[in-house]
Amino acid sequence: TLVPFRAISEALQAEVVWNQKERSVTV
């Protein structure tokens, strides 16, 4: 099951960084 990453990170109060060059997301 794939879910919107923002929904999890915001609800769990996690810090999120998006790297456009790598096309990666780090929480």
mmCIF file of all heavy atoms, coordinates in Angstrom:
data_MODEL
# 
_entry.id   MODEL 
# 
loop_
_atom_site.group_PDB 
_atom_site.id 
_atom_site.type_symbol 
_atom_site.label_atom_id 
_atom_site.label_alt_id 
_atom_site.label_comp_id 
_atom_site.label_asym_id 
_atom_site.label_entity_id 
_atom_site.label_seq_id 
_atom_site.pdbx_PDB_ins_code 
_atom_site.Cartn_x 
_atom_site.Cartn_y 
_atom_site.Cartn_z 
_atom_site.occupancy 
_atom_site.B_iso_or_equiv 
_atom_site.pdbx_formal_charge 
_atom_site.auth_seq_id 
_atom_site.auth_comp_id 
_atom_site.auth_asym_id 
_atom_site.auth_atom_id 
_atom_site.pdbx_PDB_model_num 
ATOM 1   N N   . THR A 1 1  ? 0.846  -1.192 0.000   1.00 0.00 ? 1  THR A N   1 
ATOM 2   C CA  . THR A 1 1  ? 0.000  0.000  0.000   1.00 0.00 ? 1  THR A CA  1 
ATOM 3   C C   . THR A 1 1  ? 0.877  1.236  0.000   1.00 0.00 ? 1  THR A C   1 
ATOM 4   O O   . THR A 1 1  ? 1.746  1.396  0.860   1.00 0.00 ? 1  THR A O   1 
ATOM 5   C CB  . THR A 1 1  ? -0.915 0.030  1.234   1.00 0.00 ? 1  THR A CB  1 
ATOM 6   O OG1 . THR A 1 1  ? -1.684 -1.180 1.285   1.00 0.00 ? 1  THR A OG1 1 
ATOM 7   C CG2 . THR A 1 1  ? -1.871 1.216  1.169   1.00 0.00 ? 1  THR A CG2 1 
ATOM 8   N N   . LEU A 1 2  ? 0.657  2.095  -0.995  1.00 0.00 ? 2  LEU A N   1 
ATOM 9   C CA  . LEU A 1 2  ? 1.375  3.355  -1.066  1.00 0.00 ? 2  LEU A CA  1 
ATOM 10  C C   . LEU A 1 2  ? 0.455  4.464  -0.583  1.00 0.00 ? 2  LEU A C   1 
ATOM 11  O O   . LEU A 1 2  ? -0.713 4.535  -0.983  1.00 0.00 ? 2  LEU A O   1 
ATOM 12  C CB  . LEU A 1 2  ? 1.812  3.650  -2.510  1.00 0.00 ? 2  LEU A CB  1 
ATOM 13  C CG  . LEU A 1 2  ? 2.772  2.649  -3.161  1.00 0.00 ? 2  LEU A CG  1 
ATOM 14  C CD1 . LEU A 1 2  ? 3.013  3.018  -4.608  1.00 0.00 ? 2  LEU A CD1 1 
ATOM 15  C CD2 . LEU A 1 2  ? 4.081  2.581  -2.400  1.00 0.00 ? 2  LEU A CD2 1 
ATOM 16  N N   . VAL A 1 3  ? 0.960  5.316  0.292   1.00 0.00 ? 3  VAL A N   1 
ATOM 17  C CA  . VAL A 1 3  ? 0.152  6.402  0.836   1.00 0.00 ? 3  VAL A CA  1 
ATOM 18  C C   . VAL A 1 3  ? 0.899  7.719  0.675   1.00 0.00 ? 3  VAL A C   1 
ATOM 19  O O   . VAL A 1 3  ? 2.136  7.733  0.549   1.00 0.00 ? 3  VAL A O   1 
ATOM 20  C CB  . VAL A 1 3  ? -0.167 6.175  2.331   1.00 0.00 ? 3  VAL A CB  1 
ATOM 21  C CG1 . VAL A 1 3  ? -0.934 4.872  2.537   1.00 0.00 ? 3  VAL A CG1 1 
ATOM 22  C CG2 . VAL A 1 3  ? 1.110  6.184  3.154   1.00 0.00 ? 3  VAL A CG2 1 
ATOM 23  N N   . PRO A 1 4  ? 0.172  8.828  0.643   1.00 0.00 ? 4  PRO A N   1 
ATOM 24  C CA  . PRO A 1 4  ? 0.829  10.139 0.540   1.00 0.00 ? 4  PRO A CA  1 
ATOM 25  C C   . PRO A 1 4  ? 1.820  10.345 1.682   1.00 0.00 ? 4  PRO A C   1 
ATOM 26  O O   . PRO A 1 4  ? 1.457  10.228 2.853   1.00 0.00 ? 4  PRO A O   1 
ATOM 27  C CB  . PRO A 1 4  ? -0.339 11.122 0.620   1.00 0.00 ? 4  PRO A CB  1 
ATOM 28  C CG  . PRO A 1 4  ? -1.517 10.337 0.166   1.00 0.00 ? 4  PRO A CG  1 
ATOM 29  C CD  . PRO A 1 4  ? -1.288 8.944  0.663   1.00 0.00 ? 4  PRO A CD  1 
ATOM 30  N N   . PHE A 1 5  ? 3.050  10.617 1.337   1.00 0.00 ? 5  PHE A N   1 
ATOM 31  C CA  . PHE A 1 5  ? 4.109  10.752 2.338   1.00 0.00 ? 5  PHE A CA  1 
ATOM 32  C C   . PHE A 1 5  ? 3.823  11.888 3.305   1.00 0.00 ? 5  PHE A C   1 
ATOM 33  O O   . PHE A 1 5  ? 4.089  11.778 4.507   1.00 0.00 ? 5  PHE A O   1 
ATOM 34  C CB  . PHE A 1 5  ? 5.435  10.976 1.615   1.00 0.00 ? 5  PHE A CB  1 
ATOM 35  C CG  . PHE A 1 5  ? 6.626  10.950 2.525   1.00 0.00 ? 5  PHE A CG  1 
ATOM 36  C CD1 . PHE A 1 5  ? 6.925  9.822  3.271   1.00 0.00 ? 5  PHE A CD1 1 
ATOM 37  C CD2 . PHE A 1 5  ? 7.455  12.050 2.640   1.00 0.00 ? 5  PHE A CD2 1 
ATOM 38  C CE1 . PHE A 1 5  ? 8.026  9.790  4.107   1.00 0.00 ? 5  PHE A CE1 1 
ATOM 39  C CE2 . PHE A 1 5  ? 8.558  12.023 3.471   1.00 0.00 ? 5  PHE A CE2 1 
ATOM 40  C CZ  . PHE A 1 5  ? 8.841  10.890 4.204   1.00 0.00 ? 5  PHE A CZ  1 
ATOM 41  N N   . ARG A 1 6  ? 3.276  12.975 2.796   1.00 0.00 ? 6  ARG A N   1 
ATOM 42  C CA  . ARG A 1 6  ? 3.004  14.133 3.641   1.00 0.00 ? 6  ARG A CA  1 
ATOM 43  C C   . ARG A 1 6  ? 2.020  13.787 4.760   1.00 0.00 ? 6  ARG A C   1 
ATOM 44  O O   . ARG A 1 6  ? 2.146  14.267 5.886   1.00 0.00 ? 6  ARG A O   1 
ATOM 45  C CB  . ARG A 1 6  ? 2.449  15.288 2.801   1.00 0.00 ? 6  ARG A CB  1 
ATOM 46  C CG  . ARG A 1 6  ? 2.204  16.561 3.597   1.00 0.00 ? 6  ARG A CG  1 
ATOM 47  C CD  . ARG A 1 6  ? 1.708  17.668 2.693   1.00 0.00 ? 6  ARG A CD  1 
ATOM 48  N NE  . ARG A 1 6  ? 2.712  18.034 1.705   1.00 0.00 ? 6  ARG A NE  1 
ATOM 49  C CZ  . ARG A 1 6  ? 3.701  18.883 1.946   1.00 0.00 ? 6  ARG A CZ  1 
ATOM 50  N NH1 . ARG A 1 6  ? 3.822  19.453 3.123   1.00 0.00 ? 6  ARG A NH1 1 
ATOM 51  N NH2 . ARG A 1 6  ? 4.572  19.177 1.008   1.00 0.00 ? 6  ARG A NH2 1 
ATOM 52  N N   . ALA A 1 7  ? 1.027  12.925 4.454   1.00 0.00 ? 7  ALA A N   1 
ATOM 53  C CA  . ALA A 1 7  ? 0.015  12.559 5.453   1.00 0.00 ? 7  ALA A CA  1 
ATOM 54  C C   . ALA A 1 7  ? 0.652  11.886 6.669   1.00 0.00 ? 7  ALA A C   1 
ATOM 55  O O   . ALA A 1 7  ? 0.275  12.144 7.814   1.00 0.00 ? 7  ALA A O   1 
ATOM 56  C CB  . ALA A 1 7  ? -1.029 11.641 4.827   1.00 0.00 ? 7  ALA A CB  1 
ATOM 57  N N   . ILE A 1 8  ? 1.654  11.022 6.414   1.00 0.00 ? 8  ILE A N   1 
ATOM 58  C CA  . ILE A 1 8  ? 2.324  10.331 7.522   1.00 0.00 ? 8  ILE A CA  1 
ATOM 59  C C   . ILE A 1 8  ? 3.264  11.282 8.264   1.00 0.00 ? 8  ILE A C   1 
ATOM 60  O O   . ILE A 1 8  ? 3.238  11.372 9.491   1.00 0.00 ? 8  ILE A O   1 
ATOM 61  C CB  . ILE A 1 8  ? 3.135  9.127  7.001   1.00 0.00 ? 8  ILE A CB  1 
ATOM 62  C CG1 . ILE A 1 8  ? 2.229  8.128  6.291   1.00 0.00 ? 8  ILE A CG1 1 
ATOM 63  C CG2 . ILE A 1 8  ? 3.859  8.434  8.153   1.00 0.00 ? 8  ILE A CG2 1 
ATOM 64  C CD1 . ILE A 1 8  ? 2.967  6.951  5.703   1.00 0.00 ? 8  ILE A CD1 1 
ATOM 65  N N   . SER A 1 9  ? 4.091  11.974 7.522   1.00 0.00 ? 9  SER A N   1 
ATOM 66  C CA  . SER A 1 9  ? 5.114  12.809 8.153   1.00 0.00 ? 9  SER A CA  1 
ATOM 67  C C   . SER A 1 9  ? 4.507  13.920 9.005   1.00 0.00 ? 9  SER A C   1 
ATOM 68  O O   . SER A 1 9  ? 4.983  14.196 10.109  1.00 0.00 ? 9  SER A O   1 
ATOM 69  C CB  . SER A 1 9  ? 6.034  13.415 7.089   1.00 0.00 ? 9  SER A CB  1 
ATOM 70  O OG  . SER A 1 9  ? 5.288  14.191 6.163   1.00 0.00 ? 9  SER A OG  1 
ATOM 71  N N   . GLU A 1 10 ? 3.443  14.550 8.509   1.00 0.00 ? 10 GLU A N   1 
ATOM 72  C CA  . GLU A 1 10 ? 2.822  15.631 9.286   1.00 0.00 ? 10 GLU A CA  1 
ATOM 73  C C   . GLU A 1 10 ? 2.139  15.087 10.531  1.00 0.00 ? 10 GLU A C   1 
ATOM 74  O O   . GLU A 1 10 ? 2.230  15.677 11.608  1.00 0.00 ? 10 GLU A O   1 
ATOM 75  C CB  . GLU A 1 10 ? 1.826  16.390 8.419   1.00 0.00 ? 10 GLU A CB  1 
ATOM 76  C CG  . GLU A 1 10 ? 2.494  17.260 7.359   1.00 0.00 ? 10 GLU A CG  1 
ATOM 77  C CD  . GLU A 1 10 ? 1.491  18.063 6.553   1.00 0.00 ? 10 GLU A CD  1 
ATOM 78  O OE1 . GLU A 1 10 ? 0.277  17.816 6.707   1.00 0.00 ? 10 GLU A OE1 1 
ATOM 79  O OE2 . GLU A 1 10 ? 1.918  18.936 5.772   1.00 0.00 ? 10 GLU A OE2 1 
ATOM 80  N N   . ALA A 1 11 ? 1.438  13.967 10.385  1.00 0.00 ? 11 ALA A N   1 
ATOM 81  C CA  . ALA A 1 11 ? 0.727  13.394 11.532  1.00 0.00 ? 11 ALA A CA  1 
ATOM 82  C C   . ALA A 1 11 ? 1.692  12.919 12.613  1.00 0.00 ? 11 ALA A C   1 
ATOM 83  O O   . ALA A 1 11 ? 1.397  13.007 13.808  1.00 0.00 ? 11 ALA A O   1 
ATOM 84  C CB  . ALA A 1 11 ? -0.164 12.243 11.075  1.00 0.00 ? 11 ALA A CB  1 
ATOM 85  N N   . LEU A 1 12 ? 2.856  12.423 12.206  1.00 0.00 ? 12 LEU A N   1 
ATOM 86  C CA  . LEU A 1 12 ? 3.846  11.947 13.176  1.00 0.00 ? 12 LEU A CA  1 
ATOM 87  C C   . LEU A 1 12 ? 4.836  13.038 13.571  1.00 0.00 ? 12 LEU A C   1 
ATOM 88  O O   . LEU A 1 12 ? 5.789  12.791 14.293  1.00 0.00 ? 12 LEU A O   1 
ATOM 89  C CB  . LEU A 1 12 ? 4.612  10.749 12.592  1.00 0.00 ? 12 LEU A CB  1 
ATOM 90  C CG  . LEU A 1 12 ? 3.775  9.495  12.305  1.00 0.00 ? 12 LEU A CG  1 
ATOM 91  C CD1 . LEU A 1 12 ? 4.653  8.395  11.718  1.00 0.00 ? 12 LEU A CD1 1 
ATOM 92  C CD2 . LEU A 1 12 ? 3.066  8.994  13.568  1.00 0.00 ? 12 LEU A CD2 1 
ATOM 93  N N   . GLN A 1 13 ? 4.593  14.257 13.073  1.00 0.00 ? 13 GLN A N   1 
ATOM 94  C CA  . GLN A 1 13 ? 5.427  15.415 13.396  1.00 0.00 ? 13 GLN A CA  1 
ATOM 95  C C   . GLN A 1 13 ? 6.903  15.143 13.096  1.00 0.00 ? 13 GLN A C   1 
ATOM 96  O O   . GLN A 1 13 ? 7.791  15.378 13.933  1.00 0.00 ? 13 GLN A O   1 
ATOM 97  C CB  . GLN A 1 13 ? 5.236  15.807 14.865  1.00 0.00 ? 13 GLN A CB  1 
ATOM 98  C CG  . GLN A 1 13 ? 3.809  16.227 15.192  1.00 0.00 ? 13 GLN A CG  1 
ATOM 99  C CD  . GLN A 1 13 ? 3.632  16.645 16.637  1.00 0.00 ? 13 GLN A CD  1 
ATOM 100 O OE1 . GLN A 1 13 ? 4.466  16.378 17.480  1.00 0.00 ? 13 GLN A OE1 1 
ATOM 101 N NE2 . GLN A 1 13 ? 2.523  17.304 16.908  1.00 0.00 ? 13 GLN A NE2 1 
ATOM 102 N N   . ALA A 1 14 ? 7.138  14.668 11.877  1.00 0.00 ? 14 ALA A N   1 
ATOM 103 C CA  . ALA A 1 14 ? 8.497  14.379 11.443  1.00 0.00 ? 14 ALA A CA  1 
ATOM 104 C C   . ALA A 1 14 ? 9.024  15.512 10.560  1.00 0.00 ? 14 ALA A C   1 
ATOM 105 O O   . ALA A 1 14 ? 8.264  16.242 9.930   1.00 0.00 ? 14 ALA A O   1 
ATOM 106 C CB  . ALA A 1 14 ? 8.534  13.057 10.678  1.00 0.00 ? 14 ALA A CB  1 
ATOM 107 N N   . GLU A 1 15 ? 10.347 15.636 10.501  1.00 0.00 ? 15 GLU A N   1 
ATOM 108 C CA  . GLU A 1 15 ? 10.990 16.643 9.659   1.00 0.00 ? 15 GLU A CA  1 
ATOM 109 C C   . GLU A 1 15 ? 11.228 16.047 8.274   1.00 0.00 ? 15 GLU A C   1 
ATOM 110 O O   . GLU A 1 15 ? 11.769 14.946 8.145   1.00 0.00 ? 15 GLU A O   1 
ATOM 111 C CB  . GLU A 1 15 ? 12.315 17.064 10.282  1.00 0.00 ? 15 GLU A CB  1 
ATOM 112 C CG  . GLU A 1 15 ? 13.071 18.102 9.472   1.00 0.00 ? 15 GLU A CG  1 
ATOM 113 C CD  . GLU A 1 15 ? 14.431 18.424 10.080  1.00 0.00 ? 15 GLU A CD  1 
ATOM 114 O OE1 . GLU A 1 15 ? 14.666 18.032 11.238  1.00 0.00 ? 15 GLU A OE1 1 
ATOM 115 O OE2 . GLU A 1 15 ? 15.243 19.054 9.373   1.00 0.00 ? 15 GLU A OE2 1 
ATOM 116 N N   . VAL A 1 16 ? 10.846 16.768 7.231   1.00 0.00 ? 16 VAL A N   1 
ATOM 117 C CA  . VAL A 1 16 ? 10.937 16.243 5.868   1.00 0.00 ? 16 VAL A CA  1 
ATOM 118 C C   . VAL A 1 16 ? 11.786 17.162 4.996   1.00 0.00 ? 16 VAL A C   1 
ATOM 119 O O   . VAL A 1 16 ? 11.649 18.388 5.049   1.00 0.00 ? 16 VAL A O   1 
ATOM 120 C CB  . VAL A 1 16 ? 9.532  16.091 5.241   1.00 0.00 ? 16 VAL A CB  1 
ATOM 121 C CG1 . VAL A 1 16 ? 9.641  15.530 3.826   1.00 0.00 ? 16 VAL A CG1 1 
ATOM 122 C CG2 . VAL A 1 16 ? 8.651  15.203 6.093   1.00 0.00 ? 16 VAL A CG2 1 
ATOM 123 N N   . VAL A 1 17 ? 12.662 16.556 4.188   1.00 0.00 ? 17 VAL A N   1 
ATOM 124 C CA  . VAL A 1 17 ? 13.494 17.314 3.247   1.00 0.00 ? 17 VAL A CA  1 
ATOM 125 C C   . VAL A 1 17 ? 13.371 16.680 1.865   1.00 0.00 ? 17 VAL A C   1 
ATOM 126 O O   . VAL A 1 17 ? 13.532 15.458 1.710   1.00 0.00 ? 17 VAL A O   1 
ATOM 127 C CB  . VAL A 1 17 ? 14.985 17.317 3.678   1.00 0.00 ? 17 VAL A CB  1 
ATOM 128 C CG1 . VAL A 1 17 ? 15.834 18.017 2.622   1.00 0.00 ? 17 VAL A CG1 1 
ATOM 129 C CG2 . VAL A 1 17 ? 15.137 17.991 5.033   1.00 0.00 ? 17 VAL A CG2 1 
ATOM 130 N N   . TRP A 1 18 ? 13.072 17.494 0.854   1.00 0.00 ? 18 TRP A N   1 
ATOM 131 C CA  . TRP A 1 18 ? 12.983 17.027 -0.534  1.00 0.00 ? 18 TRP A CA  1 
ATOM 132 C C   . TRP A 1 18 ? 14.208 17.482 -1.300  1.00 0.00 ? 18 TRP A C   1 
ATOM 133 O O   . TRP A 1 18 ? 14.574 18.659 -1.269  1.00 0.00 ? 18 TRP A O   1 
ATOM 134 C CB  . TRP A 1 18 ? 11.724 17.570 -1.192  1.00 0.00 ? 18 TRP A CB  1 
ATOM 135 C CG  . TRP A 1 18 ? 11.686 17.411 -2.694  1.00 0.00 ? 18 TRP A CG  1 
ATOM 136 C CD1 . TRP A 1 18 ? 11.901 18.386 -3.623  1.00 0.00 ? 18 TRP A CD1 1 
ATOM 137 C CD2 . TRP A 1 18 ? 11.440 16.204 -3.426  1.00 0.00 ? 18 TRP A CD2 1 
ATOM 138 N NE1 . TRP A 1 18 ? 11.799 17.875 -4.887  1.00 0.00 ? 18 TRP A NE1 1 
ATOM 139 C CE2 . TRP A 1 18 ? 11.519 16.524 -4.806  1.00 0.00 ? 18 TRP A CE2 1 
ATOM 140 C CE3 . TRP A 1 18 ? 11.178 14.891 -3.051  1.00 0.00 ? 18 TRP A CE3 1 
ATOM 141 C CZ2 . TRP A 1 18 ? 11.329 15.581 -5.792  1.00 0.00 ? 18 TRP A CZ2 1 
ATOM 142 C CZ3 . TRP A 1 18 ? 10.989 13.942 -4.043  1.00 0.00 ? 18 TRP A CZ3 1 
ATOM 143 C CH2 . TRP A 1 18 ? 11.067 14.283 -5.398  1.00 0.00 ? 18 TRP A CH2 1 
ATOM 144 N N   . ASN A 1 19 ? 14.870 16.533 -1.984  1.00 0.00 ? 19 ASN A N   1 
ATOM 145 C CA  . ASN A 1 19 ? 16.049 16.835 -2.787  1.00 0.00 ? 19 ASN A CA  1 
ATOM 146 C C   . ASN A 1 19 ? 15.664 16.699 -4.257  1.00 0.00 ? 19 ASN A C   1 
ATOM 147 O O   . ASN A 1 19 ? 15.501 15.577 -4.757  1.00 0.00 ? 19 ASN A O   1 
ATOM 148 C CB  . ASN A 1 19 ? 17.192 15.876 -2.438  1.00 0.00 ? 19 ASN A CB  1 
ATOM 149 C CG  . ASN A 1 19 ? 18.494 16.246 -3.130  1.00 0.00 ? 19 ASN A CG  1 
ATOM 150 O OD1 . ASN A 1 19 ? 18.527 16.512 -4.335  1.00 0.00 ? 19 ASN A OD1 1 
ATOM 151 N ND2 . ASN A 1 19 ? 19.580 16.254 -2.361  1.00 0.00 ? 19 ASN A ND2 1 
ATOM 152 N N   . GLN A 1 20 ? 15.528 17.836 -4.925  1.00 0.00 ? 20 GLN A N   1 
ATOM 153 C CA  . GLN A 1 20 ? 15.073 17.829 -6.306  1.00 0.00 ? 20 GLN A CA  1 
ATOM 154 C C   . GLN A 1 20 ? 16.083 17.155 -7.234  1.00 0.00 ? 20 GLN A C   1 
ATOM 155 O O   . GLN A 1 20 ? 15.703 16.413 -8.146  1.00 0.00 ? 20 GLN A O   1 
ATOM 156 C CB  . GLN A 1 20 ? 14.821 19.273 -6.779  1.00 0.00 ? 20 GLN A CB  1 
ATOM 157 C CG  . GLN A 1 20 ? 14.344 19.394 -8.218  1.00 0.00 ? 20 GLN A CG  1 
ATOM 158 C CD  . GLN A 1 20 ? 13.006 18.732 -8.446  1.00 0.00 ? 20 GLN A CD  1 
ATOM 159 O OE1 . GLN A 1 20 ? 12.105 18.817 -7.613  1.00 0.00 ? 20 GLN A OE1 1 
ATOM 160 N NE2 . GLN A 1 20 ? 12.873 18.051 -9.583  1.00 0.00 ? 20 GLN A NE2 1 
ATOM 161 N N   . LYS A 1 21 ? 17.378 17.400 -6.986  1.00 0.00 ? 21 LYS A N   1 
ATOM 162 C CA  . LYS A 1 21 ? 18.404 16.824 -7.847  1.00 0.00 ? 21 LYS A CA  1 
ATOM 163 C C   . LYS A 1 21 ? 18.407 15.300 -7.776  1.00 0.00 ? 21 LYS A C   1 
ATOM 164 O O   . LYS A 1 21 ? 18.482 14.610 -8.796  1.00 0.00 ? 21 LYS A O   1 
ATOM 165 C CB  . LYS A 1 21 ? 19.775 17.378 -7.442  1.00 0.00 ? 21 LYS A CB  1 
ATOM 166 C CG  . LYS A 1 21 ? 20.908 16.923 -8.353  1.00 0.00 ? 21 LYS A CG  1 
ATOM 167 C CD  . LYS A 1 21 ? 22.227 17.570 -7.933  1.00 0.00 ? 21 LYS A CD  1 
ATOM 168 C CE  . LYS A 1 21 ? 23.365 17.101 -8.840  1.00 0.00 ? 21 LYS A CE  1 
ATOM 169 N NZ  . LYS A 1 21 ? 24.670 17.731 -8.449  1.00 0.00 ? 21 LYS A NZ  1 
ATOM 170 N N   . GLU A 1 22 ? 18.319 14.749 -6.569  1.00 0.00 ? 22 GLU A N   1 
ATOM 171 C CA  . GLU A 1 22 ? 18.312 13.292 -6.388  1.00 0.00 ? 22 GLU A CA  1 
ATOM 172 C C   . GLU A 1 22 ? 16.926 12.689 -6.586  1.00 0.00 ? 22 GLU A C   1 
ATOM 173 O O   . GLU A 1 22 ? 16.797 11.492 -6.763  1.00 0.00 ? 22 GLU A O   1 
ATOM 174 C CB  . GLU A 1 22 ? 18.774 12.928 -4.974  1.00 0.00 ? 22 GLU A CB  1 
ATOM 175 C CG  . GLU A 1 22 ? 20.219 13.142 -4.685  1.00 0.00 ? 22 GLU A CG  1 
ATOM 176 C CD  . GLU A 1 22 ? 20.584 12.667 -3.290  1.00 0.00 ? 22 GLU A CD  1 
ATOM 177 O OE1 . GLU A 1 22 ? 19.679 12.456 -2.457  1.00 0.00 ? 22 GLU A OE1 1 
ATOM 178 O OE2 . GLU A 1 22 ? 21.785 12.485 -3.036  1.00 0.00 ? 22 GLU A OE2 1 
ATOM 179 N N   . ARG A 1 23 ? 15.929 13.556 -6.570  1.00 0.00 ? 23 ARG A N   1 
ATOM 180 C CA  . ARG A 1 23 ? 14.522 13.127 -6.540  1.00 0.00 ? 23 ARG A CA  1 
ATOM 181 C C   . ARG A 1 23 ? 14.322 12.170 -5.355  1.00 0.00 ? 23 ARG A C   1 
ATOM 182 O O   . ARG A 1 23 ? 13.761 11.098 -5.476  1.00 0.00 ? 23 ARG A O   1 
ATOM 183 C CB  . ARG A 1 23 ? 14.110 12.445 -7.856  1.00 0.00 ? 23 ARG A CB  1 
ATOM 184 C CG  . ARG A 1 23 ? 14.153 13.358 -9.055  1.00 0.00 ? 23 ARG A CG  1 
ATOM 185 C CD  . ARG A 1 23 ? 13.632 12.697 -10.307 1.00 0.00 ? 23 ARG A CD  1 
ATOM 186 N NE  . ARG A 1 23 ? 12.168 12.667 -10.306 1.00 0.00 ? 23 ARG A NE  1 
ATOM 187 C CZ  . ARG A 1 23 ? 11.458 11.572 -10.528 1.00 0.00 ? 23 ARG A CZ  1 
ATOM 188 N NH1 . ARG A 1 23 ? 12.068 10.402 -10.693 1.00 0.00 ? 23 ARG A NH1 1 
ATOM 189 N NH2 . ARG A 1 23 ? 10.150 11.628 -10.546 1.00 0.00 ? 23 ARG A NH2 1 
ATOM 190 N N   . SER A 1 24 ? 14.774 12.648 -4.209  1.00 0.00 ? 24 SER A N   1 
ATOM 191 C CA  . SER A 1 24 ? 14.673 11.843 -2.992  1.00 0.00 ? 24 SER A CA  1 
ATOM 192 C C   . SER A 1 24 ? 13.940 12.617 -1.911  1.00 0.00 ? 24 SER A C   1 
ATOM 193 O O   . SER A 1 24 ? 13.907 13.847 -1.914  1.00 0.00 ? 24 SER A O   1 
ATOM 194 C CB  . SER A 1 24 ? 16.062 11.444 -2.478  1.00 0.00 ? 24 SER A CB  1 
ATOM 195 O OG  . SER A 1 24 ? 16.761 12.586 -2.004  1.00 0.00 ? 24 SER A OG  1 
ATOM 196 N N   . VAL A 1 25 ? 13.358 11.886 -0.970  1.00 0.00 ? 25 VAL A N   1 
ATOM 197 C CA  . VAL A 1 25 ? 12.689 12.490 0.173   1.00 0.00 ? 25 VAL A CA  1 
ATOM 198 C C   . VAL A 1 25 ? 13.267 11.854 1.428   1.00 0.00 ? 25 VAL A C   1 
ATOM 199 O O   . VAL A 1 25 ? 13.430 10.638 1.510   1.00 0.00 ? 25 VAL A O   1 
ATOM 200 C CB  . VAL A 1 25 ? 11.156 12.301 0.104   1.00 0.00 ? 25 VAL A CB  1 
ATOM 201 C CG1 . VAL A 1 25 ? 10.777 10.831 0.091   1.00 0.00 ? 25 VAL A CG1 1 
ATOM 202 C CG2 . VAL A 1 25 ? 10.470 13.026 1.256   1.00 0.00 ? 25 VAL A CG2 1 
ATOM 203 N N   . THR A 1 26 ? 13.612 12.706 2.393   1.00 0.00 ? 26 THR A N   1 
ATOM 204 C CA  . THR A 1 26 ? 14.225 12.227 3.632   1.00 0.00 ? 26 THR A CA  1 
ATOM 205 C C   . THR A 1 26 ? 13.392 12.706 4.818   1.00 0.00 ? 26 THR A C   1 
ATOM 206 O O   . THR A 1 26 ? 13.056 13.887 4.911   1.00 0.00 ? 26 THR A O   1 
ATOM 207 C CB  . THR A 1 26 ? 15.671 12.759 3.778   1.00 0.00 ? 26 THR A CB  1 
ATOM 208 O OG1 . THR A 1 26 ? 16.440 12.347 2.644   1.00 0.00 ? 26 THR A OG1 1 
ATOM 209 C CG2 . THR A 1 26 ? 16.319 12.217 5.047   1.00 0.00 ? 26 THR A CG2 1 
ATOM 210 N N   . VAL A 1 27 ? 13.069 11.792 5.700   1.00 0.00 ? 27 VAL A N   1 
ATOM 211 C CA  . VAL A 1 27 ? 12.276 12.131 6.879   1.00 0.00 ? 27 VAL A CA  1 
ATOM 212 C C   . VAL A 1 27 ? 13.060 11.752 8.127   1.00 0.00 ? 27 VAL A C   1 
ATOM 213 O O   . VAL A 1 27 ? 13.680 10.682 8.185   1.00 0.00 ? 27 VAL A O   1 
ATOM 214 C CB  . VAL A 1 27 ? 10.900 11.421 6.857   1.00 0.00 ? 27 VAL A CB  1 
ATOM 215 C CG1 . VAL A 1 27 ? 11.057 9.910  6.759   1.00 0.00 ? 27 VAL A CG1 1 
ATOM 216 C CG2 . VAL A 1 27 ? 10.084 11.780 8.086   1.00 0.00 ? 27 VAL A CG2 1 
# 
